[in-house]
Amino acid sequence: MNKKDECAIFQDLYELYIEEEVEEETKQWMMEHEVECAHCQNSRKDSEGNLSLHEDSEKISGIRIMTMSLYSMFLFLAIWMSVWYLW
């Protein structure tokens, strides 16, 4: 296997490696490759930044859902109070 193929495999398995969902033999190979390959070390740093961006987007999505839920509840209460007042 050439260096380019090894790097491609490393990049494909990196997220599973971080989550420790790879077999022990694969984990050992990835640790060795990570130490030897400067390209994969740089890519790893870039992907760690992307993971934090993904976490931030999940938080923003949660905030949007909460805001829309509160807005909907406020709208429901406003309509309910208007109808109740007219009776």
N, C-alpha and C. Protein backbone atom coordinates (compact mmCIF):
# COMPACT_ATOMS: atom_id res chain seq x y z
N MET A 1 0.86 -1.16 0.00
CA MET A 1 0.00 0.00 0.00
C MET A 1 0.91 1.23 0.00
N ASN A 2 0.59 2.21 -0.83
CA ASN A 2 1.43 3.40 -0.88
C ASN A 2 0.98 4.44 0.14
N LYS A 3 1.77 5.47 0.28
CA LYS A 3 1.55 6.50 1.29
C LYS A 3 0.21 7.21 1.10
N LYS A 4 -0.15 7.47 -0.15
CA LYS A 4 -1.41 8.17 -0.44
C LYS A 4 -2.61 7.34 0.01
N ASP A 5 -2.57 6.04 -0.24
CA ASP A 5 -3.66 5.16 0.18
C ASP A 5 -3.76 5.08 1.70
N GLU A 6 -2.60 5.01 2.36
CA GLU A 6 -2.60 4.96 3.82
C GLU A 6 -3.22 6.22 4.40
N CYS A 7 -2.86 7.37 3.83
CA CYS A 7 -3.42 8.63 4.32
C CYS A 7 -4.93 8.69 4.09
N ALA A 8 -5.39 8.20 2.96
CA ALA A 8 -6.83 8.20 2.67
C ALA A 8 -7.58 7.32 3.66
N ILE A 9 -7.02 6.16 3.95
CA ILE A 9 -7.64 5.26 4.93
C ILE A 9 -7.65 5.90 6.31
N PHE A 10 -6.53 6.53 6.67
CA PHE A 10 -6.45 7.20 7.97
C PHE A 10 -7.52 8.28 8.09
N GLN A 11 -7.67 9.09 7.04
CA GLN A 11 -8.68 10.16 7.07
C GLN A 11 -10.10 9.59 7.17
N ASP A 12 -10.36 8.51 6.48
CA ASP A 12 -11.69 7.89 6.52
C ASP A 12 -12.04 7.34 7.90
N LEU A 13 -11.04 6.80 8.57
CA LEU A 13 -11.28 6.16 9.87
C LEU A 13 -11.06 7.08 11.06
N TYR A 14 -10.65 8.31 10.82
CA TYR A 14 -10.24 9.17 11.93
C TYR A 14 -11.35 9.42 12.95
N GLU A 15 -12.56 9.70 12.49
CA GLU A 15 -13.65 9.95 13.43
C GLU A 15 -13.94 8.73 14.29
N LEU A 16 -13.89 7.55 13.69
CA LEU A 16 -14.10 6.32 14.47
C LEU A 16 -12.95 6.11 15.45
N TYR A 17 -11.76 6.49 15.02
CA TYR A 17 -10.57 6.39 15.88
C TYR A 17 -10.71 7.29 17.11
N ILE A 18 -11.18 8.49 16.91
CA ILE A 18 -11.38 9.43 18.02
C ILE A 18 -12.42 8.90 18.99
N GLU A 19 -13.48 8.32 18.47
CA GLU A 19 -14.55 7.79 19.31
C GLU A 19 -14.24 6.39 19.85
N GLU A 20 -13.04 5.90 19.53
CA GLU A 20 -12.56 4.59 19.96
C GLU A 20 -13.49 3.46 19.54
N GLU A 21 -13.92 3.51 18.28
CA GLU A 21 -14.82 2.50 17.75
C GLU A 21 -14.12 1.63 16.70
N VAL A 22 -12.79 1.60 16.75
CA VAL A 22 -12.03 0.74 15.84
C VAL A 22 -11.40 -0.38 16.65
N GLU A 23 -11.04 -1.44 15.94
CA GLU A 23 -10.41 -2.57 16.62
C GLU A 23 -9.02 -2.19 17.10
N GLU A 24 -8.50 -2.95 18.03
CA GLU A 24 -7.21 -2.65 18.64
C GLU A 24 -6.08 -2.62 17.61
N GLU A 25 -6.11 -3.53 16.67
CA GLU A 25 -5.08 -3.59 15.63
C GLU A 25 -5.12 -2.33 14.75
N THR A 26 -6.31 -1.89 14.40
CA THR A 26 -6.47 -0.67 13.60
C THR A 26 -6.04 0.54 14.41
N LYS A 27 -6.39 0.55 15.66
CA LYS A 27 -6.01 1.66 16.53
C LYS A 27 -4.48 1.78 16.61
N GLN A 28 -3.80 0.67 16.73
CA GLN A 28 -2.34 0.66 16.79
C GLN A 28 -1.75 1.19 15.49
N TRP A 29 -2.28 0.72 14.34
CA TRP A 29 -1.79 1.20 13.05
C TRP A 29 -1.99 2.70 12.90
N MET A 30 -3.16 3.20 13.35
CA MET A 30 -3.45 4.62 13.22
C MET A 30 -2.54 5.46 14.10
N MET A 31 -2.24 4.98 15.31
CA MET A 31 -1.31 5.71 16.17
C MET A 31 0.07 5.80 15.52
N GLU A 32 0.53 4.70 14.94
CA GLU A 32 1.84 4.70 14.28
C GLU A 32 1.84 5.61 13.06
N HIS A 33 0.79 5.55 12.27
CA HIS A 33 0.71 6.38 11.07
C HIS A 33 0.64 7.86 11.44
N GLU A 34 -0.09 8.18 12.48
CA GLU A 34 -0.24 9.56 12.90
C GLU A 34 1.10 10.16 13.30
N VAL A 35 1.95 9.38 13.95
CA VAL A 35 3.27 9.86 14.37
C VAL A 35 4.18 10.05 13.16
N GLU A 36 4.10 9.15 12.19
CA GLU A 36 4.99 9.17 11.04
C GLU A 36 4.61 10.19 9.97
N CYS A 37 3.35 10.48 9.80
CA CYS A 37 2.87 11.25 8.65
C CYS A 37 2.54 12.70 9.05
N ALA A 38 3.31 13.65 8.51
CA ALA A 38 3.08 15.06 8.81
C ALA A 38 1.78 15.55 8.18
N HIS A 39 1.44 15.04 7.00
CA HIS A 39 0.21 15.44 6.32
C HIS A 39 -1.03 15.10 7.16
N CYS A 40 -1.04 13.90 7.72
CA CYS A 40 -2.18 13.48 8.54
C CYS A 40 -2.23 14.22 9.86
N GLN A 41 -1.09 14.62 10.38
CA GLN A 41 -1.08 15.41 11.62
C GLN A 41 -1.73 16.77 11.36
N ASN A 42 -1.41 17.39 10.22
CA ASN A 42 -2.02 18.67 9.87
C ASN A 42 -3.51 18.52 9.59
N SER A 43 -3.89 17.45 8.92
CA SER A 43 -5.30 17.20 8.63
C SER A 43 -6.08 16.95 9.91
N ARG A 44 -5.44 16.29 10.85
CA ARG A 44 -6.08 16.01 12.14
C ARG A 44 -6.42 17.31 12.86
N LYS A 45 -5.50 18.25 12.84
CA LYS A 45 -5.74 19.54 13.49
C LYS A 45 -6.90 20.27 12.81
N ASP A 46 -6.97 20.19 11.48
CA ASP A 46 -8.07 20.82 10.76
C ASP A 46 -9.40 20.16 11.09
N SER A 47 -9.40 18.84 11.17
CA SER A 47 -10.66 18.13 11.45
C SER A 47 -11.13 18.36 12.87
N GLU A 48 -10.21 18.59 13.80
CA GLU A 48 -10.62 18.91 15.18
C GLU A 48 -11.36 20.23 15.21
N GLY A 49 -10.92 21.18 14.40
CA GLY A 49 -11.63 22.45 14.29
C GLY A 49 -13.01 22.26 13.70
N ASN A 50 -13.14 21.38 12.71
CA ASN A 50 -14.43 21.09 12.09
C ASN A 50 -15.38 20.42 13.07
N LEU A 51 -14.85 19.58 13.99
CA LEU A 51 -15.71 18.94 14.98
C LEU A 51 -16.32 19.98 15.91
N SER A 52 -15.53 20.99 16.29
CA SER A 52 -16.08 22.02 17.17
C SER A 52 -17.13 22.85 16.42
N LEU A 53 -16.93 23.07 15.12
CA LEU A 53 -17.94 23.78 14.33
C LEU A 53 -19.23 22.98 14.26
N HIS A 54 -19.12 21.66 14.15
CA HIS A 54 -20.30 20.80 14.11
C HIS A 54 -21.05 20.87 15.45
N GLU A 55 -20.32 20.86 16.55
CA GLU A 55 -20.95 20.97 17.86
C GLU A 55 -21.65 22.31 18.01
N ASP A 56 -21.02 23.38 17.51
CA ASP A 56 -21.64 24.70 17.58
C ASP A 56 -22.92 24.75 16.76
N SER A 57 -22.92 24.15 15.59
CA SER A 57 -24.13 24.16 14.77
C SER A 57 -25.25 23.38 15.42
N GLU A 58 -24.92 22.31 16.15
CA GLU A 58 -25.95 21.56 16.89
C GLU A 58 -26.53 22.41 18.01
N LYS A 59 -25.69 23.18 18.70
CA LYS A 59 -26.19 24.07 19.75
C LYS A 59 -27.10 25.15 19.17
N ILE A 60 -26.70 25.72 18.04
CA ILE A 60 -27.51 26.75 17.40
C ILE A 60 -28.86 26.17 16.98
N SER A 61 -28.84 24.96 16.46
CA SER A 61 -30.09 24.32 16.06
C SER A 61 -31.00 24.11 17.27
N GLY A 62 -30.44 23.71 18.39
CA GLY A 62 -31.21 23.54 19.62
C GLY A 62 -31.81 24.85 20.10
N ILE A 63 -31.04 25.92 19.99
CA ILE A 63 -31.53 27.24 20.40
C ILE A 63 -32.68 27.68 19.49
N ARG A 64 -32.55 27.42 18.19
CA ARG A 64 -33.63 27.77 17.26
C ARG A 64 -34.91 27.03 17.59
N ILE A 65 -34.79 25.76 17.88
CA ILE A 65 -35.97 24.96 18.23
C ILE A 65 -36.62 25.49 19.50
N MET A 66 -35.80 25.81 20.50
CA MET A 66 -36.33 26.34 21.76
C MET A 66 -37.02 27.68 21.53
N THR A 67 -36.43 28.54 20.71
CA THR A 67 -37.02 29.85 20.43
C THR A 67 -38.36 29.70 19.72
N MET A 68 -38.42 28.82 18.74
CA MET A 68 -39.68 28.63 18.02
C MET A 68 -40.75 28.02 18.92
N SER A 69 -40.34 27.15 19.83
CA SER A 69 -41.29 26.56 20.77
C SER A 69 -41.86 27.62 21.69
N LEU A 70 -41.00 28.49 22.21
CA LEU A 70 -41.47 29.55 23.09
C LEU A 70 -42.36 30.55 22.34
N TYR A 71 -41.98 30.87 21.10
CA TYR A 71 -42.79 31.77 20.29
C TYR A 71 -44.17 31.16 20.03
N SER A 72 -44.21 29.89 19.72
CA SER A 72 -45.49 29.21 19.47
C SER A 72 -46.35 29.20 20.72
N MET A 73 -45.73 28.94 21.87
CA MET A 73 -46.48 28.93 23.12
C MET A 73 -47.03 30.33 23.43
N PHE A 74 -46.24 31.36 23.20
CA PHE A 74 -46.70 32.73 23.42
C PHE A 74 -47.86 33.05 22.50
N LEU A 75 -47.77 32.66 21.24
CA LEU A 75 -48.84 32.92 20.29
C LEU A 75 -50.12 32.20 20.70
N PHE A 76 -50.00 30.94 21.12
CA PHE A 76 -51.16 30.18 21.58
C PHE A 76 -51.81 30.85 22.79
N LEU A 77 -51.00 31.28 23.76
CA LEU A 77 -51.56 31.94 24.95
C LEU A 77 -52.21 33.27 24.60
N ALA A 78 -51.63 34.01 23.66
CA ALA A 78 -52.22 35.28 23.27
C ALA A 78 -53.59 35.07 22.62
N ILE A 79 -53.70 34.08 21.75
CA ILE A 79 -54.99 33.78 21.12
C ILE A 79 -55.98 33.28 22.15
N TRP A 80 -55.55 32.40 23.03
CA TRP A 80 -56.43 31.85 24.05
C TRP A 80 -56.95 32.95 24.98
N MET A 81 -56.08 33.87 25.39
CA MET A 81 -56.51 34.96 26.27
C MET A 81 -57.46 35.91 25.55
N SER A 82 -57.25 36.13 24.24
CA SER A 82 -58.15 37.01 23.48
C SER A 82 -59.53 36.39 23.38
N VAL A 83 -59.61 35.12 23.11
CA VAL A 83 -60.89 34.44 23.02
C VAL A 83 -61.56 34.42 24.39
N TRP A 84 -60.81 34.15 25.43
CA TRP A 84 -61.35 34.10 26.78
C TRP A 84 -61.89 35.48 27.20
N TYR A 85 -61.20 36.55 26.82
CA TYR A 85 -61.61 37.92 27.16
C TYR A 85 -62.91 38.28 26.46
N LEU A 86 -63.11 37.82 25.22
CA LEU A 86 -64.30 38.18 24.45
C LEU A 86 -65.55 37.50 25.01
N TRP A 87 -65.40 36.41 25.74
CA TRP A 87 -66.58 35.75 26.28
C TRP A 87 -67.07 36.50 27.44
